[in-house]
Amino acid sequence: MVFINILDHVEKCYSNADGDVIYYEIKKAFDHNSPVTVSFKGVTSLNSSFVNSAFIELLNDFDFSYIRQNLKFTNSTAQINSIIKNRFSFEVNKKNRLAVAF
């Protein structure tokens, strides 16, 4: 199990560059089949650019079922939970619609 405290790696959660830092930490753990817990301790808000880069990019490397089983969040707020859930739902549904179209 790998524990990632976001503010140990970035100062804020607002840019793609901030998200990229977290993405690489998660991907490194996933590449070694290690589950990840991400802590948002001290983070009061984030935006979709950060979420897209940190978490949604994982869909290019791993199945959603793998991400869902191996990525956990702690010390988050309702706003943080909502934006992550909504972004994953949108992207997974979009991929499913594209798969059906082909």
PDB file of N, CA and C in Angstrom:
ATOM      1  N   MET A   1       0.851  -1.183   0.000  1.00  0.00           N
ATOM      2  CA  MET A   1       0.000   0.000   0.000  1.00  0.00           C
ATOM      3  C   MET A   1       0.888   1.235   0.000  1.00  0.00           C
ATOM      4  N   VAL A   2       0.593   2.139  -0.912  1.00  0.00           N
ATOM      5  CA  VAL A   2       1.323   3.401  -0.993  1.00  0.00           C
ATOM      6  C   VAL A   2       0.394   4.512  -0.520  1.00  0.00           C
ATOM      7  N   PHE A   3       0.894   5.355   0.355  1.00  0.00           N
ATOM      8  CA  PHE A   3       0.138   6.492   0.876  1.00  0.00           C
ATOM      9  C   PHE A   3       0.729   7.768   0.288  1.00  0.00           C
ATOM     10  N   ILE A   4      -0.118   8.558  -0.356  1.00  0.00           N
ATOM     11  CA  ILE A   4       0.326   9.812  -0.968  1.00  0.00           C
ATOM     12  C   ILE A   4      -0.433  10.961  -0.315  1.00  0.00           C
ATOM     13  N   ASN A   5       0.284  11.784   0.432  1.00  0.00           N
ATOM     14  CA  ASN A   5      -0.297  13.004   0.974  1.00  0.00           C
ATOM     15  C   ASN A   5      -0.038  14.095  -0.065  1.00  0.00           C
ATOM     16  N   ILE A   6      -1.093  14.577  -0.679  1.00  0.00           N
ATOM     17  CA  ILE A   6      -0.966  15.507  -1.809  1.00  0.00           C
ATOM     18  C   ILE A   6      -0.035  16.673  -1.498  1.00  0.00           C
ATOM     19  N   LEU A   7      -0.215  17.297  -0.338  1.00  0.00           N
ATOM     20  CA  LEU A   7       0.568  18.499  -0.039  1.00  0.00           C
ATOM     21  C   LEU A   7       2.034  18.206   0.278  1.00  0.00           C
ATOM     22  N   ASP A   8       2.405  16.929   0.332  1.00  0.00           N
ATOM     23  CA  ASP A   8       3.820  16.583   0.418  1.00  0.00           C
ATOM     24  C   ASP A   8       4.496  16.666  -0.946  1.00  0.00           C
ATOM     25  N   HIS A   9       3.681  16.728  -2.002  1.00  0.00           N
ATOM     26  CA  HIS A   9       4.204  16.693  -3.371  1.00  0.00           C
ATOM     27  C   HIS A   9       3.956  17.976  -4.157  1.00  0.00           C
ATOM     28  N   VAL A  10       2.866  18.666  -3.855  1.00  0.00           N
ATOM     29  CA  VAL A  10       2.529  19.921  -4.537  1.00  0.00           C
ATOM     30  C   VAL A  10       2.041  20.938  -3.512  1.00  0.00           C
ATOM     31  N   GLU A  11       2.154  22.212  -3.858  1.00  0.00           N
ATOM     32  CA  GLU A  11       1.688  23.270  -2.949  1.00  0.00           C
ATOM     33  C   GLU A  11       0.197  23.530  -3.076  1.00  0.00           C
ATOM     34  N   LYS A  12      -0.346  23.248  -4.267  1.00  0.00           N
ATOM     35  CA  LYS A  12      -1.763  23.503  -4.519  1.00  0.00           C
ATOM     36  C   LYS A  12      -2.277  22.498  -5.535  1.00  0.00           C
ATOM     37  N   CYS A  13      -3.574  22.475  -5.730  1.00  0.00           N
ATOM     38  CA  CYS A  13      -4.211  21.511  -6.636  1.00  0.00           C
ATOM     39  C   CYS A  13      -4.993  22.248  -7.721  1.00  0.00           C
ATOM     40  N   TYR A  14      -4.291  23.107  -8.470  1.00  0.00           N
ATOM     41  CA  TYR A  14      -4.988  23.952  -9.428  1.00  0.00           C
ATOM     42  C   TYR A  14      -4.585  23.764 -10.875  1.00  0.00           C
ATOM     43  N   SER A  15      -3.431  23.192 -11.135  1.00  0.00           N
ATOM     44  CA  SER A  15      -2.961  23.152 -12.525  1.00  0.00           C
ATOM     45  C   SER A  15      -2.734  21.726 -12.999  1.00  0.00           C
ATOM     46  N   ASN A  16      -2.614  21.597 -14.316  1.00  0.00           N
ATOM     47  CA  ASN A  16      -2.263  20.314 -14.897  1.00  0.00           C
ATOM     48  C   ASN A  16      -0.900  19.863 -14.393  1.00  0.00           C
ATOM     49  N   ALA A  17       0.023  20.797 -14.247  1.00  0.00           N
ATOM     50  CA  ALA A  17       1.363  20.449 -13.769  1.00  0.00           C
ATOM     51  C   ALA A  17       1.304  19.872 -12.357  1.00  0.00           C
ATOM     52  N   ASP A  18       0.468  20.454 -11.495  1.00  0.00           N
ATOM     53  CA  ASP A  18       0.285  19.906 -10.144  1.00  0.00           C
ATOM     54  C   ASP A  18      -0.273  18.485 -10.231  1.00  0.00           C
ATOM     55  N   GLY A  19      -1.270  18.303 -11.081  1.00  0.00           N
ATOM     56  CA  GLY A  19      -1.878  16.986 -11.251  1.00  0.00           C
ATOM     57  C   GLY A  19      -0.907  15.963 -11.804  1.00  0.00           C
ATOM     58  N   ASP A  20      -0.052  16.396 -12.725  1.00  0.00           N
ATOM     59  CA  ASP A  20       0.936  15.484 -13.307  1.00  0.00           C
ATOM     60  C   ASP A  20       1.837  14.878 -12.239  1.00  0.00           C
ATOM     61  N   VAL A  21       2.212  15.681 -11.261  1.00  0.00           N
ATOM     62  CA  VAL A  21       3.072  15.189 -10.174  1.00  0.00           C
ATOM     63  C   VAL A  21       2.386  14.036  -9.440  1.00  0.00           C
ATOM     64  N   ILE A  22       1.121  14.208  -9.139  1.00  0.00           N
ATOM     65  CA  ILE A  22       0.376  13.172  -8.412  1.00  0.00           C
ATOM     66  C   ILE A  22       0.136  11.957  -9.305  1.00  0.00           C
ATOM     67  N   TYR A  23      -0.192  12.194 -10.572  1.00  0.00           N
ATOM     68  CA  TYR A  23      -0.384  11.099 -11.529  1.00  0.00           C
ATOM     69  C   TYR A  23       0.830  10.175 -11.552  1.00  0.00           C
ATOM     70  N   TYR A  24       2.019  10.749 -11.672  1.00  0.00           N
ATOM     71  CA  TYR A  24       3.223   9.924 -11.756  1.00  0.00           C
ATOM     72  C   TYR A  24       3.467   9.130 -10.473  1.00  0.00           C
ATOM     73  N   GLU A  25       3.120   9.704  -9.339  1.00  0.00           N
ATOM     74  CA  GLU A  25       3.258   8.965  -8.075  1.00  0.00           C
ATOM     75  C   GLU A  25       2.302   7.770  -8.047  1.00  0.00           C
ATOM     76  N   ILE A  26       1.063   7.995  -8.463  1.00  0.00           N
ATOM     77  CA  ILE A  26       0.072   6.906  -8.484  1.00  0.00           C
ATOM     78  C   ILE A  26       0.470   5.854  -9.509  1.00  0.00           C
ATOM     79  N   LYS A  27       0.839   6.298 -10.693  1.00  0.00           N
ATOM     80  CA  LYS A  27       1.197   5.357 -11.764  1.00  0.00           C
ATOM     81  C   LYS A  27       2.383   4.489 -11.358  1.00  0.00           C
ATOM     82  N   LYS A  28       3.354   5.091 -10.718  1.00  0.00           N
ATOM     83  CA  LYS A  28       4.528   4.341 -10.251  1.00  0.00           C
ATOM     84  C   LYS A  28       4.092   3.205  -9.311  1.00  0.00           C
ATOM     85  N   ALA A  29       3.181   3.499  -8.413  1.00  0.00           N
ATOM     86  CA  ALA A  29       2.685   2.478  -7.489  1.00  0.00           C
ATOM     87  C   ALA A  29       1.870   1.419  -8.232  1.00  0.00           C
ATOM     88  N   PHE A  30       0.964   1.865  -9.109  1.00  0.00           N
ATOM     89  CA  PHE A  30       0.142   0.930  -9.869  1.00  0.00           C
ATOM     90  C   PHE A  30       1.004   0.018 -10.742  1.00  0.00           C
ATOM     91  N   ASP A  31       2.069   0.549 -11.306  1.00  0.00           N
ATOM     92  CA  ASP A  31       2.958  -0.263 -12.142  1.00  0.00           C
ATOM     93  C   ASP A  31       3.592  -1.402 -11.349  1.00  0.00           C
ATOM     94  N   HIS A  32       3.624  -1.253 -10.031  1.00  0.00           N
ATOM     95  CA  HIS A  32       4.146  -2.300  -9.144  1.00  0.00           C
ATOM     96  C   HIS A  32       3.011  -3.030  -8.417  1.00  0.00           C
ATOM     97  N   ASN A  33       1.792  -2.888  -8.954  1.00  0.00           N
ATOM     98  CA  ASN A  33       0.601  -3.536  -8.385  1.00  0.00           C
ATOM     99  C   ASN A  33       0.355  -3.180  -6.932  1.00  0.00           C
ATOM    100  N   SER A  34       0.708  -1.971  -6.549  1.00  0.00           N
ATOM    101  CA  SER A  34       0.475  -1.505  -5.184  1.00  0.00           C
ATOM    102  C   SER A  34      -0.762  -0.624  -5.138  1.00  0.00           C
ATOM    103  N   PRO A  35      -1.695  -0.913  -4.254  1.00  0.00           N
ATOM    104  CA  PRO A  35      -2.838  -0.018  -4.068  1.00  0.00           C
ATOM    105  C   PRO A  35      -2.361   1.324  -3.514  1.00  0.00           C
ATOM    106  N   VAL A  36      -3.142   2.363  -3.781  1.00  0.00           N
ATOM    107  CA  VAL A  36      -2.773   3.723  -3.390  1.00  0.00           C
ATOM    108  C   VAL A  36      -3.907   4.364  -2.598  1.00  0.00           C
ATOM    109  N   THR A  37      -3.529   5.027  -1.509  1.00  0.00           N
ATOM    110  CA  THR A  37      -4.451   5.903  -0.795  1.00  0.00           C
ATOM    111  C   THR A  37      -3.916   7.317  -0.930  1.00  0.00           C
ATOM    112  N   VAL A  38      -4.766   8.202  -1.430  1.00  0.00           N
ATOM    113  CA  VAL A  38      -4.403   9.606  -1.607  1.00  0.00           C
ATOM    114  C   VAL A  38      -5.081  10.410  -0.509  1.00  0.00           C
ATOM    115  N   SER A  39      -4.283  11.173   0.234  1.00  0.00           N
ATOM    116  CA  SER A  39      -4.809  12.015   1.299  1.00  0.00           C
ATOM    117  C   SER A  39      -4.880  13.468   0.834  1.00  0.00           C
ATOM    118  N   PHE A  40      -6.031  14.065   1.061  1.00  0.00           N
ATOM    119  CA  PHE A  40      -6.235  15.475   0.749  1.00  0.00           C
ATOM    120  C   PHE A  40      -6.142  16.339   2.004  1.00  0.00           C
ATOM    121  N   LYS A  41      -5.441  15.852   3.010  1.00  0.00           N
ATOM    122  CA  LYS A  41      -5.326  16.592   4.259  1.00  0.00           C
ATOM    123  C   LYS A  41      -4.763  17.985   3.985  1.00  0.00           C
ATOM    124  N   GLY A  42      -5.508  19.009   4.410  1.00  0.00           N
ATOM    125  CA  GLY A  42      -5.099  20.394   4.208  1.00  0.00           C
ATOM    126  C   GLY A  42      -5.540  21.002   2.892  1.00  0.00           C
ATOM    127  N   VAL A  43      -6.107  20.184   1.997  1.00  0.00           N
ATOM    128  CA  VAL A  43      -6.593  20.689   0.708  1.00  0.00           C
ATOM    129  C   VAL A  43      -8.061  21.055   0.883  1.00  0.00           C
ATOM    130  N   THR A  44      -8.392  22.303   0.574  1.00  0.00           N
ATOM    131  CA  THR A  44      -9.781  22.738   0.734  1.00  0.00           C
ATOM    132  C   THR A  44     -10.553  22.718  -0.574  1.00  0.00           C
ATOM    133  N   SER A  45      -9.849  22.811  -1.697  1.00  0.00           N
ATOM    134  CA  SER A  45     -10.526  22.744  -2.990  1.00  0.00           C
ATOM    135  C   SER A  45      -9.515  22.371  -4.071  1.00  0.00           C
ATOM    136  N   LEU A  46     -10.063  21.948  -5.196  1.00  0.00           N
ATOM    137  CA  LEU A  46      -9.244  21.657  -6.362  1.00  0.00           C
ATOM    138  C   LEU A  46     -10.105  21.914  -7.590  1.00  0.00           C
ATOM    139  N   ASN A  47      -9.497  21.850  -8.759  1.00  0.00           N
ATOM    140  CA  ASN A  47     -10.280  22.092  -9.972  1.00  0.00           C
ATOM    141  C   ASN A  47     -10.151  20.924 -10.933  1.00  0.00           C
ATOM    142  N   SER A  48     -10.920  20.998 -12.022  1.00  0.00           N
ATOM    143  CA  SER A  48     -10.949  19.877 -12.964  1.00  0.00           C
ATOM    144  C   SER A  48      -9.621  19.689 -13.679  1.00  0.00           C
ATOM    145  N   SER A  49      -8.846  20.727 -13.879  1.00  0.00           N
ATOM    146  CA  SER A  49      -7.528  20.554 -14.513  1.00  0.00           C
ATOM    147  C   SER A  49      -6.661  19.630 -13.673  1.00  0.00           C
ATOM    148  N   PHE A  50      -6.642  19.849 -12.389  1.00  0.00           N
ATOM    149  CA  PHE A  50      -5.870  18.996 -11.490  1.00  0.00           C
ATOM    150  C   PHE A  50      -6.408  17.561 -11.514  1.00  0.00           C
ATOM    151  N   VAL A  51      -7.715  17.409 -11.388  1.00  0.00           N
ATOM    152  CA  VAL A  51      -8.333  16.078 -11.360  1.00  0.00           C
ATOM    153  C   VAL A  51      -8.059  15.331 -12.662  1.00  0.00           C
ATOM    154  N   ASN A  52      -8.204  16.027 -13.783  1.00  0.00           N
ATOM    155  CA  ASN A  52      -7.949  15.382 -15.075  1.00  0.00           C
ATOM    156  C   ASN A  52      -6.529  14.857 -15.161  1.00  0.00           C
ATOM    157  N   SER A  53      -5.571  15.672 -14.774  1.00  0.00           N
ATOM    158  CA  SER A  53      -4.168  15.279 -14.874  1.00  0.00           C
ATOM    159  C   SER A  53      -3.777  14.238 -13.835  1.00  0.00           C
ATOM    160  N   ALA A  54      -4.272  14.370 -12.625  1.00  0.00           N
ATOM    161  CA  ALA A  54      -3.869  13.468 -11.541  1.00  0.00           C
ATOM    162  C   ALA A  54      -4.560  12.111 -11.619  1.00  0.00           C
ATOM    163  N   PHE A  55      -5.837  12.091 -11.962  1.00  0.00           N
ATOM    164  CA  PHE A  55      -6.616  10.866 -11.849  1.00  0.00           C
ATOM    165  C   PHE A  55      -7.195  10.355 -13.166  1.00  0.00           C
ATOM    166  N   ILE A  56      -7.780  11.227 -13.954  1.00  0.00           N
ATOM    167  CA  ILE A  56      -8.437  10.786 -15.187  1.00  0.00           C
ATOM    168  C   ILE A  56      -7.424  10.241 -16.192  1.00  0.00           C
ATOM    169  N   GLU A  57      -6.226  10.781 -16.204  1.00  0.00           N
ATOM    170  CA  GLU A  57      -5.174  10.261 -17.096  1.00  0.00           C
ATOM    171  C   GLU A  57      -4.869   8.801 -16.832  1.00  0.00           C
ATOM    172  N   LEU A  58      -5.143   8.320 -15.631  1.00  0.00           N
ATOM    173  CA  LEU A  58      -4.913   6.915 -15.311  1.00  0.00           C
ATOM    174  C   LEU A  58      -5.724   5.984 -16.204  1.00  0.00           C
ATOM    175  N   LEU A  59      -6.856   6.474 -16.728  1.00  0.00           N
ATOM    176  CA  LEU A  59      -7.692   5.661 -17.610  1.00  0.00           C
ATOM    177  C   LEU A  59      -6.976   5.307 -18.915  1.00  0.00           C
ATOM    178  N   ASN A  60      -5.939   6.049 -19.262  1.00  0.00           N
ATOM    179  CA  ASN A  60      -5.158   5.720 -20.455  1.00  0.00           C
ATOM    180  C   ASN A  60      -4.218   4.547 -20.211  1.00  0.00           C
ATOM    181  N   ASP A  61      -3.990   4.223 -18.953  1.00  0.00           N
ATOM    182  CA  ASP A  61      -3.036   3.180 -18.593  1.00  0.00           C
ATOM    183  C   ASP A  61      -3.657   1.968 -17.904  1.00  0.00           C
ATOM    184  N   PHE A  62      -4.809   2.172 -17.267  1.00  0.00           N
ATOM    185  CA  PHE A  62      -5.419   1.124 -16.460  1.00  0.00           C
ATOM    186  C   PHE A  62      -6.928   1.105 -16.686  1.00  0.00           C
ATOM    187  N   ASP A  63      -7.533  -0.075 -16.553  1.00  0.00           N
ATOM    188  CA  ASP A  63      -8.987  -0.186 -16.627  1.00  0.00           C
ATOM    189  C   ASP A  63      -9.602   0.513 -15.422  1.00  0.00           C
ATOM    190  N   PHE A  64     -10.808   1.020 -15.619  1.00  0.00           N
ATOM    191  CA  PHE A  64     -11.494   1.693 -14.524  1.00  0.00           C
ATOM    192  C   PHE A  64     -11.689   0.752 -13.337  1.00  0.00           C
ATOM    193  N   SER A  65     -11.968  -0.516 -13.613  1.00  0.00           N
ATOM    194  CA  SER A  65     -12.174  -1.454 -12.505  1.00  0.00           C
ATOM    195  C   SER A  65     -10.904  -1.581 -11.659  1.00  0.00           C
ATOM    196  N   TYR A  66      -9.737  -1.573 -12.295  1.00  0.00           N
ATOM    197  CA  TYR A  66      -8.475  -1.636 -11.549  1.00  0.00           C
ATOM    198  C   TYR A  66      -8.298  -0.373 -10.708  1.00  0.00           C
ATOM    199  N   ILE A  67      -8.561   0.782 -11.318  1.00  0.00           N
ATOM    200  CA  ILE A  67      -8.435   2.056 -10.594  1.00  0.00           C
ATOM    201  C   ILE A  67      -9.382   2.070  -9.398  1.00  0.00           C
ATOM    202  N   ARG A  68     -10.611   1.683  -9.643  1.00  0.00           N
ATOM    203  CA  ARG A  68     -11.625   1.707  -8.585  1.00  0.00           C
ATOM    204  C   ARG A  68     -11.245   0.803  -7.411  1.00  0.00           C
ATOM    205  N   GLN A  69     -10.648  -0.342  -7.695  1.00  0.00           N
ATOM    206  CA  GLN A  69     -10.257  -1.275  -6.634  1.00  0.00           C
ATOM    207  C   GLN A  69      -8.991  -0.839  -5.906  1.00  0.00           C
ATOM    208  N   ASN A  70      -8.135  -0.092  -6.577  1.00  0.00           N
ATOM    209  CA  ASN A  70      -6.805   0.174  -6.026  1.00  0.00           C
ATOM    210  C   ASN A  70      -6.514   1.625  -5.664  1.00  0.00           C
ATOM    211  N   LEU A  71      -7.457   2.520  -5.894  1.00  0.00           N
ATOM    212  CA  LEU A  71      -7.253   3.928  -5.573  1.00  0.00           C
ATOM    213  C   LEU A  71      -8.301   4.372  -4.563  1.00  0.00           C
ATOM    214  N   LYS A  72      -7.836   4.777  -3.417  1.00  0.00           N
ATOM    215  CA  LYS A  72      -8.721   5.237  -2.345  1.00  0.00           C
ATOM    216  C   LYS A  72      -8.355   6.672  -1.974  1.00  0.00           C
ATOM    217  N   PHE A  73      -9.341   7.373  -1.432  1.00  0.00           N
ATOM    218  CA  PHE A  73      -9.142   8.758  -1.023  1.00  0.00           C
ATOM    219  C   PHE A  73      -9.485   8.912   0.452  1.00  0.00           C
ATOM    220  N   THR A  74      -8.734   9.779   1.118  1.00  0.00           N
ATOM    221  CA  THR A  74      -8.978  10.052   2.526  1.00  0.00           C
ATOM    222  C   THR A  74      -8.799  11.550   2.780  1.00  0.00           C
ATOM    223  N   ASN A  75      -9.378  12.011   3.878  1.00  0.00           N
ATOM    224  CA  ASN A  75      -9.293  13.427   4.274  1.00  0.00           C
ATOM    225  C   ASN A  75      -9.776  14.359   3.175  1.00  0.00           C
ATOM    226  N   SER A  76     -10.840  13.957   2.486  1.00  0.00           N
ATOM    227  CA  SER A  76     -11.362  14.789   1.405  1.00  0.00           C
ATOM    228  C   SER A  76     -12.659  15.464   1.841  1.00  0.00           C
ATOM    229  N   THR A  77     -13.076  16.413   1.043  1.00  0.00           N
ATOM    230  CA  THR A  77     -14.318  17.138   1.310  1.00  0.00           C
ATOM    231  C   THR A  77     -15.397  16.662   0.335  1.00  0.00           C
ATOM    232  N   ALA A  78     -16.613  17.079   0.570  1.00  0.00           N
ATOM    233  CA  ALA A  78     -17.711  16.737  -0.342  1.00  0.00           C
ATOM    234  C   ALA A  78     -17.430  17.293  -1.736  1.00  0.00           C
ATOM    235  N   GLN A  79     -16.855  18.489  -1.828  1.00  0.00           N
ATOM    236  CA  GLN A  79     -16.548  19.101  -3.127  1.00  0.00           C
ATOM    237  C   GLN A  79     -15.490  18.286  -3.858  1.00  0.00           C
ATOM    238  N   ILE A  80     -14.468  17.861  -3.158  1.00  0.00           N
ATOM    239  CA  ILE A  80     -13.406  17.058  -3.766  1.00  0.00           C
ATOM    240  C   ILE A  80     -13.971  15.721  -4.236  1.00  0.00           C
ATOM    241  N   ASN A  81     -14.734  15.060  -3.387  1.00  0.00           N
ATOM    242  CA  ASN A  81     -15.345  13.783  -3.769  1.00  0.00           C
ATOM    243  C   ASN A  81     -16.226  13.933  -4.996  1.00  0.00           C
ATOM    244  N   SER A  82     -17.015  14.978  -5.013  1.00  0.00           N
ATOM    245  CA  SER A  82     -17.953  15.201  -6.105  1.00  0.00           C
ATOM    246  C   SER A  82     -17.244  15.422  -7.438  1.00  0.00           C
ATOM    247  N   ILE A  83     -16.229  16.256  -7.464  1.00  0.00           N
ATOM    248  CA  ILE A  83     -15.560  16.536  -8.734  1.00  0.00           C
ATOM    249  C   ILE A  83     -14.828  15.298  -9.253  1.00  0.00           C
ATOM    250  N   ILE A  84     -14.218  14.526  -8.370  1.00  0.00           N
ATOM    251  CA  ILE A  84     -13.529  13.301  -8.802  1.00  0.00           C
ATOM    252  C   ILE A  84     -14.547  12.297  -9.342  1.00  0.00           C
ATOM    253  N   LYS A  85     -15.620  12.095  -8.607  1.00  0.00           N
ATOM    254  CA  LYS A  85     -16.651  11.150  -9.038  1.00  0.00           C
ATOM    255  C   LYS A  85     -17.269  11.572 -10.367  1.00  0.00           C
ATOM    256  N   ASN A  86     -17.606  12.849 -10.491  1.00  0.00           N
ATOM    257  CA  ASN A  86     -18.229  13.331 -11.726  1.00  0.00           C
ATOM    258  C   ASN A  86     -17.303  13.203 -12.927  1.00  0.00           C
ATOM    259  N   ARG A  87     -16.028  13.508 -12.746  1.00  0.00           N
ATOM    260  CA  ARG A  87     -15.076  13.409 -13.868  1.00  0.00           C
ATOM    261  C   ARG A  87     -14.881  11.954 -14.287  1.00  0.00           C
ATOM    262  N   PHE A  88     -14.743  11.042 -13.320  1.00  0.00           N
ATOM    263  CA  PHE A  88     -14.613   9.624 -13.677  1.00  0.00           C
ATOM    264  C   PHE A  88     -15.884   9.123 -14.362  1.00  0.00           C
ATOM    265  N   SER A  89     -17.045   9.465 -13.825  1.00  0.00           N
ATOM    266  CA  SER A  89     -18.308   9.026 -14.429  1.00  0.00           C
ATOM    267  C   SER A  89     -18.417   9.497 -15.869  1.00  0.00           C
ATOM    268  N   PHE A  90     -18.108  10.753 -16.107  1.00  0.00           N
ATOM    269  CA  PHE A  90     -18.195  11.302 -17.458  1.00  0.00           C
ATOM    270  C   PHE A  90     -17.254  10.558 -18.403  1.00  0.00           C
ATOM    271  N   GLU A  91     -16.009  10.384 -18.009  1.00  0.00           N
ATOM    272  CA  GLU A  91     -15.014   9.760 -18.889  1.00  0.00           C
ATOM    273  C   GLU A  91     -15.295   8.281 -19.131  1.00  0.00           C
ATOM    274  N   VAL A  92     -15.706   7.562 -18.097  1.00  0.00           N
ATOM    275  CA  VAL A  92     -16.007   6.145 -18.263  1.00  0.00           C
ATOM    276  C   VAL A  92     -17.222   5.973 -19.162  1.00  0.00           C
ATOM    277  N   ASN A  93     -18.250   6.785 -18.968  1.00  0.00           N
ATOM    278  CA  ASN A  93     -19.436   6.720 -19.828  1.00  0.00           C
ATOM    279  C   ASN A  93     -19.093   7.084 -21.264  1.00  0.00           C
ATOM    280  N   LYS A  94     -18.225   8.059 -21.449  1.00  0.00           N
ATOM    281  CA  LYS A  94     -17.808   8.455 -22.805  1.00  0.00           C
ATOM    282  C   LYS A  94     -17.079   7.303 -23.487  1.00  0.00           C
ATOM    283  N   LYS A  95     -16.179   6.649 -22.772  1.00  0.00           N
ATOM    284  CA  LYS A  95     -15.451   5.504 -23.345  1.00  0.00           C
ATOM    285  C   LYS A  95     -16.418   4.376 -23.689  1.00  0.00           C
ATOM    286  N   ASN A  96     -17.399   4.138 -22.835  1.00  0.00           N
ATOM    287  CA  ASN A  96     -18.374   3.078 -23.091  1.00  0.00           C
ATOM    288  C   ASN A  96     -19.211   3.403 -24.324  1.00  0.00           C
ATOM    289  N   ARG A  97     -19.599   4.663 -24.486  1.00  0.00           N
ATOM    290  CA  ARG A  97     -20.371   5.059 -25.664  1.00  0.00           C
ATOM    291  C   ARG A  97     -19.537   4.888 -26.928  1.00  0.00           C
ATOM    292  N   LEU A  98     -18.270   5.246 -26.871  1.00  0.00           N
ATOM    293  CA  LEU A  98     -17.394   5.087 -28.032  1.00  0.00           C
ATOM    294  C   LEU A  98     -17.185   3.615 -28.371  1.00  0.00           C
ATOM    295  N   ALA A  99     -17.065   2.776 -27.364  1.00  0.00           N
ATOM    296  CA  ALA A  99     -16.881   1.345 -27.611  1.00  0.00           C
ATOM    297  C   ALA A  99     -18.093   0.743 -28.299  1.00  0.00           C
ATOM    298  N   VAL A 100     -19.284   1.170 -27.902  1.00  0.00           N
ATOM    299  CA  VAL A 100     -20.509   0.678 -28.510  1.00  0.00           C
ATOM    300  C   VAL A 100     -20.638   1.169 -29.959  1.00  0.00           C
ATOM    301  N   ALA A 101     -20.169   2.394 -30.210  1.00  0.00           N
ATOM    302  CA  ALA A 101     -20.263   2.964 -31.555  1.00  0.00           C
ATOM    303  C   ALA A 101     -19.414   2.188 -32.554  1.00  0.00           C
ATOM    304  N   PHE A 102     -18.341   1.578 -32.083  1.00  0.00           N
ATOM    305  CA  PHE A 102     -17.471   0.811 -32.979  1.00  0.00           C
ATOM    306  C   PHE A 102     -17.911  -0.624 -32.992  1.00  0.00           C
TER     307      PHE A 102
END
